[in-house]
Amino acid sequence: MLAGLARGEPFTVEWARETVPAAYWTQPLFLRINAVISLAWGAAFAALTLMSLPGRRRTWRRRALAVAVVVAAGAFTAWYPSHARPAP
């Protein structure tokens, strides 16, 4: 994921192109939105990985937290594009 961001190719771009007209695909705002959303999912993946390390007890609270992390990343993905502003 980080390598894709470094190349300017956030991993969310392929999904975004399914719903966004081609005219926007090269726009800086489109790419920035996808970079931010990719970072949010990267943070979620990292949190889920830390929660699943060996030796950690799998309690219902930990499972609920894992679900909350995924739901939060999904909610951010839905919310952020309509609230993002072009960089100054």
N, C-alpha and C. Protein backbone atom coordinates (compact mmCIF):
# COMPACT_ATOMS: atom_id res chain seq x y z
N MET A 1 0.81 -1.18 0.00
CA MET A 1 0.00 0.00 0.00
C MET A 1 0.87 1.26 0.00
N LEU A 2 1.88 1.29 0.84
CA LEU A 2 2.76 2.46 0.89
C LEU A 2 3.53 2.65 -0.41
N ALA A 3 3.94 1.56 -1.04
CA ALA A 3 4.64 1.67 -2.32
C ALA A 3 3.73 2.28 -3.38
N GLY A 4 2.47 1.88 -3.38
CA GLY A 4 1.51 2.47 -4.32
C GLY A 4 1.32 3.95 -4.08
N LEU A 5 1.24 4.34 -2.83
CA LEU A 5 1.13 5.77 -2.51
C LEU A 5 2.37 6.53 -2.95
N ALA A 6 3.55 5.94 -2.75
CA ALA A 6 4.80 6.59 -3.15
C ALA A 6 4.86 6.79 -4.66
N ARG A 7 4.26 5.87 -5.40
CA ARG A 7 4.22 5.98 -6.87
C ARG A 7 3.08 6.87 -7.34
N GLY A 8 2.26 7.35 -6.42
CA GLY A 8 1.12 8.16 -6.80
C GLY A 8 -0.05 7.33 -7.30
N GLU A 9 -0.10 6.06 -6.89
CA GLU A 9 -1.17 5.14 -7.30
C GLU A 9 -1.83 4.52 -6.06
N PRO A 10 -2.66 5.28 -5.35
CA PRO A 10 -3.32 4.71 -4.18
C PRO A 10 -4.15 3.49 -4.57
N PHE A 11 -4.21 2.50 -3.69
CA PHE A 11 -4.89 1.26 -4.05
C PHE A 11 -6.40 1.43 -4.22
N THR A 12 -6.97 2.53 -3.75
CA THR A 12 -8.41 2.75 -3.87
C THR A 12 -8.82 3.30 -5.23
N VAL A 13 -7.85 3.70 -6.04
CA VAL A 13 -8.16 4.33 -7.33
C VAL A 13 -8.98 3.41 -8.23
N GLU A 14 -8.65 2.14 -8.27
CA GLU A 14 -9.38 1.22 -9.15
C GLU A 14 -10.86 1.17 -8.79
N TRP A 15 -11.19 1.16 -7.50
CA TRP A 15 -12.59 1.15 -7.09
C TRP A 15 -13.24 2.50 -7.37
N ALA A 16 -12.52 3.58 -7.14
CA ALA A 16 -13.07 4.92 -7.37
C ALA A 16 -13.40 5.13 -8.84
N ARG A 17 -12.59 4.59 -9.72
CA ARG A 17 -12.83 4.76 -11.15
C ARG A 17 -14.12 4.09 -11.62
N GLU A 18 -14.65 3.16 -10.83
CA GLU A 18 -15.91 2.51 -11.19
C GLU A 18 -17.11 3.44 -11.05
N THR A 19 -16.96 4.50 -10.24
CA THR A 19 -18.09 5.39 -10.00
C THR A 19 -17.83 6.85 -10.35
N VAL A 20 -16.58 7.18 -10.70
CA VAL A 20 -16.22 8.57 -11.00
C VAL A 20 -15.94 8.69 -12.50
N PRO A 21 -16.48 9.72 -13.16
CA PRO A 21 -16.22 9.90 -14.59
C PRO A 21 -14.72 10.03 -14.90
N ALA A 22 -14.33 9.51 -16.05
CA ALA A 22 -12.92 9.49 -16.45
C ALA A 22 -12.29 10.87 -16.48
N ALA A 23 -13.06 11.89 -16.68
CA ALA A 23 -12.51 13.25 -16.75
C ALA A 23 -11.84 13.67 -15.43
N TYR A 24 -12.21 13.05 -14.33
CA TYR A 24 -11.66 13.41 -13.02
C TYR A 24 -10.45 12.58 -12.61
N TRP A 25 -10.18 11.50 -13.31
CA TRP A 25 -9.17 10.54 -12.87
C TRP A 25 -7.77 11.12 -12.71
N THR A 26 -7.43 12.17 -13.42
CA THR A 26 -6.09 12.75 -13.32
C THR A 26 -6.07 14.03 -12.49
N GLN A 27 -7.21 14.42 -11.98
CA GLN A 27 -7.30 15.65 -11.19
C GLN A 27 -6.61 15.48 -9.83
N PRO A 28 -5.89 16.49 -9.38
CA PRO A 28 -5.19 16.40 -8.09
C PRO A 28 -6.13 16.07 -6.92
N LEU A 29 -7.34 16.63 -6.91
CA LEU A 29 -8.27 16.37 -5.81
C LEU A 29 -8.68 14.90 -5.79
N PHE A 30 -8.95 14.32 -6.94
CA PHE A 30 -9.31 12.90 -7.03
C PHE A 30 -8.18 12.04 -6.46
N LEU A 31 -6.96 12.35 -6.87
CA LEU A 31 -5.81 11.56 -6.40
C LEU A 31 -5.57 11.76 -4.90
N ARG A 32 -5.75 12.98 -4.42
CA ARG A 32 -5.55 13.25 -2.99
C ARG A 32 -6.61 12.55 -2.15
N ILE A 33 -7.86 12.60 -2.60
CA ILE A 33 -8.93 11.90 -1.87
C ILE A 33 -8.59 10.42 -1.76
N ASN A 34 -8.13 9.83 -2.86
CA ASN A 34 -7.80 8.41 -2.84
C ASN A 34 -6.58 8.13 -1.96
N ALA A 35 -5.64 9.04 -1.94
CA ALA A 35 -4.47 8.86 -1.06
C ALA A 35 -4.89 8.88 0.40
N VAL A 36 -5.74 9.82 0.78
CA VAL A 36 -6.19 9.93 2.17
C VAL A 36 -7.01 8.70 2.56
N ILE A 37 -7.90 8.26 1.67
CA ILE A 37 -8.70 7.08 1.97
C ILE A 37 -7.81 5.84 2.05
N SER A 38 -6.81 5.74 1.19
CA SER A 38 -5.87 4.61 1.27
C SER A 38 -5.11 4.62 2.59
N LEU A 39 -4.71 5.80 3.03
CA LEU A 39 -4.03 5.90 4.34
C LEU A 39 -4.96 5.48 5.48
N ALA A 40 -6.22 5.86 5.39
CA ALA A 40 -7.18 5.48 6.43
C ALA A 40 -7.34 3.96 6.48
N TRP A 41 -7.44 3.32 5.31
CA TRP A 41 -7.56 1.87 5.29
C TRP A 41 -6.25 1.22 5.72
N GLY A 42 -5.13 1.82 5.39
CA GLY A 42 -3.84 1.30 5.86
C GLY A 42 -3.75 1.33 7.37
N ALA A 43 -4.24 2.41 7.98
CA ALA A 43 -4.26 2.50 9.44
C ALA A 43 -5.19 1.44 10.03
N ALA A 44 -6.33 1.23 9.37
CA ALA A 44 -7.26 0.20 9.84
C ALA A 44 -6.62 -1.19 9.75
N PHE A 45 -5.96 -1.47 8.62
CA PHE A 45 -5.29 -2.77 8.46
C PHE A 45 -4.20 -2.95 9.52
N ALA A 46 -3.46 -1.89 9.79
CA ALA A 46 -2.41 -1.97 10.81
C ALA A 46 -3.01 -2.25 12.19
N ALA A 47 -4.10 -1.57 12.51
CA ALA A 47 -4.75 -1.80 13.80
C ALA A 47 -5.27 -3.24 13.90
N LEU A 48 -5.86 -3.73 12.83
CA LEU A 48 -6.35 -5.11 12.84
C LEU A 48 -5.20 -6.11 12.99
N THR A 49 -4.09 -5.80 12.35
CA THR A 49 -2.92 -6.68 12.46
C THR A 49 -2.41 -6.71 13.90
N LEU A 50 -2.30 -5.54 14.52
CA LEU A 50 -1.85 -5.48 15.91
C LEU A 50 -2.79 -6.24 16.85
N MET A 51 -4.08 -6.14 16.56
CA MET A 51 -5.05 -6.83 17.41
C MET A 51 -5.00 -8.34 17.25
N SER A 52 -4.43 -8.81 16.15
CA SER A 52 -4.42 -10.26 15.91
C SER A 52 -3.07 -10.91 16.20
N LEU A 53 -2.16 -10.17 16.80
CA LEU A 53 -0.85 -10.74 17.11
C LEU A 53 -0.98 -11.96 18.02
N PRO A 54 -0.13 -12.94 17.82
CA PRO A 54 -0.18 -14.12 18.69
C PRO A 54 0.01 -13.75 20.16
N GLY A 55 -0.65 -14.49 21.01
CA GLY A 55 -0.54 -14.22 22.43
C GLY A 55 -1.63 -13.29 22.95
N ARG A 56 -2.33 -12.66 22.05
CA ARG A 56 -3.43 -11.78 22.46
C ARG A 56 -4.69 -12.62 22.64
N ARG A 57 -5.37 -12.43 23.71
CA ARG A 57 -6.62 -13.16 23.93
C ARG A 57 -7.70 -12.62 23.01
N ARG A 58 -8.48 -13.50 22.48
CA ARG A 58 -9.56 -13.11 21.58
C ARG A 58 -10.86 -12.99 22.38
N THR A 59 -11.08 -11.84 22.94
CA THR A 59 -12.28 -11.59 23.73
C THR A 59 -13.35 -10.97 22.84
N TRP A 60 -14.55 -10.92 23.35
CA TRP A 60 -15.63 -10.30 22.58
C TRP A 60 -15.35 -8.82 22.39
N ARG A 61 -14.66 -8.19 23.34
CA ARG A 61 -14.33 -6.76 23.21
C ARG A 61 -13.36 -6.54 22.06
N ARG A 62 -12.40 -7.42 21.95
CA ARG A 62 -11.42 -7.30 20.86
C ARG A 62 -12.11 -7.49 19.51
N ARG A 63 -13.02 -8.46 19.44
CA ARG A 63 -13.76 -8.68 18.19
C ARG A 63 -14.64 -7.47 17.88
N ALA A 64 -15.29 -6.93 18.88
CA ALA A 64 -16.13 -5.74 18.67
C ALA A 64 -15.28 -4.56 18.21
N LEU A 65 -14.10 -4.41 18.78
CA LEU A 65 -13.20 -3.34 18.35
C LEU A 65 -12.76 -3.53 16.90
N ALA A 66 -12.50 -4.77 16.50
CA ALA A 66 -12.11 -5.04 15.12
C ALA A 66 -13.25 -4.66 14.17
N VAL A 67 -14.47 -5.01 14.53
CA VAL A 67 -15.62 -4.63 13.70
C VAL A 67 -15.75 -3.12 13.65
N ALA A 68 -15.56 -2.46 14.78
CA ALA A 68 -15.65 -1.00 14.84
C ALA A 68 -14.59 -0.33 13.96
N VAL A 69 -13.40 -0.90 13.92
CA VAL A 69 -12.33 -0.34 13.08
C VAL A 69 -12.73 -0.42 11.61
N VAL A 70 -13.26 -1.55 11.18
CA VAL A 70 -13.66 -1.71 9.78
C VAL A 70 -14.84 -0.81 9.45
N VAL A 71 -15.81 -0.73 10.34
CA VAL A 71 -16.97 0.15 10.13
C VAL A 71 -16.52 1.61 10.05
N ALA A 72 -15.60 2.01 10.92
CA ALA A 72 -15.11 3.39 10.91
C ALA A 72 -14.39 3.70 9.60
N ALA A 73 -13.56 2.78 9.12
CA ALA A 73 -12.87 2.99 7.85
C ALA A 73 -13.87 3.10 6.71
N GLY A 74 -14.89 2.25 6.73
CA GLY A 74 -15.93 2.32 5.71
C GLY A 74 -16.71 3.62 5.76
N ALA A 75 -17.05 4.06 6.97
CA ALA A 75 -17.78 5.31 7.12
C ALA A 75 -16.94 6.49 6.65
N PHE A 76 -15.64 6.48 6.97
CA PHE A 76 -14.76 7.55 6.51
C PHE A 76 -14.68 7.55 4.99
N THR A 77 -14.61 6.37 4.39
CA THR A 77 -14.55 6.25 2.93
C THR A 77 -15.80 6.86 2.29
N ALA A 78 -16.94 6.65 2.90
CA ALA A 78 -18.19 7.21 2.36
C ALA A 78 -18.29 8.72 2.60
N TRP A 79 -17.79 9.19 3.73
CA TRP A 79 -17.93 10.59 4.12
C TRP A 79 -16.91 11.51 3.45
N TYR A 80 -15.67 11.10 3.40
CA TYR A 80 -14.58 12.02 3.04
C TYR A 80 -14.67 12.64 1.64
N PRO A 81 -15.01 11.90 0.59
CA PRO A 81 -15.00 12.54 -0.74
C PRO A 81 -15.89 13.78 -0.85
N SER A 82 -17.03 13.78 -0.18
CA SER A 82 -17.91 14.95 -0.29
C SER A 82 -17.47 16.11 0.60
N HIS A 83 -16.50 15.88 1.48
CA HIS A 83 -16.01 16.93 2.37
C HIS A 83 -14.58 17.40 2.06
N ALA A 84 -13.92 16.73 1.16
CA ALA A 84 -12.55 17.10 0.81
C ALA A 84 -12.54 18.40 0.02
N ARG A 85 -11.53 19.16 0.22
CA ARG A 85 -11.35 20.43 -0.50
C ARG A 85 -10.02 20.41 -1.23
N PRO A 86 -9.94 21.12 -2.35
CA PRO A 86 -8.64 21.17 -3.06
C PRO A 86 -7.55 21.76 -2.17
N ALA A 87 -6.34 21.29 -2.37
CA ALA A 87 -5.19 21.82 -1.62
C ALA A 87 -4.97 23.27 -2.03
N PRO A 88 -4.57 24.11 -1.07
CA PRO A 88 -4.34 25.54 -1.40
C PRO A 88 -3.14 25.73 -2.30
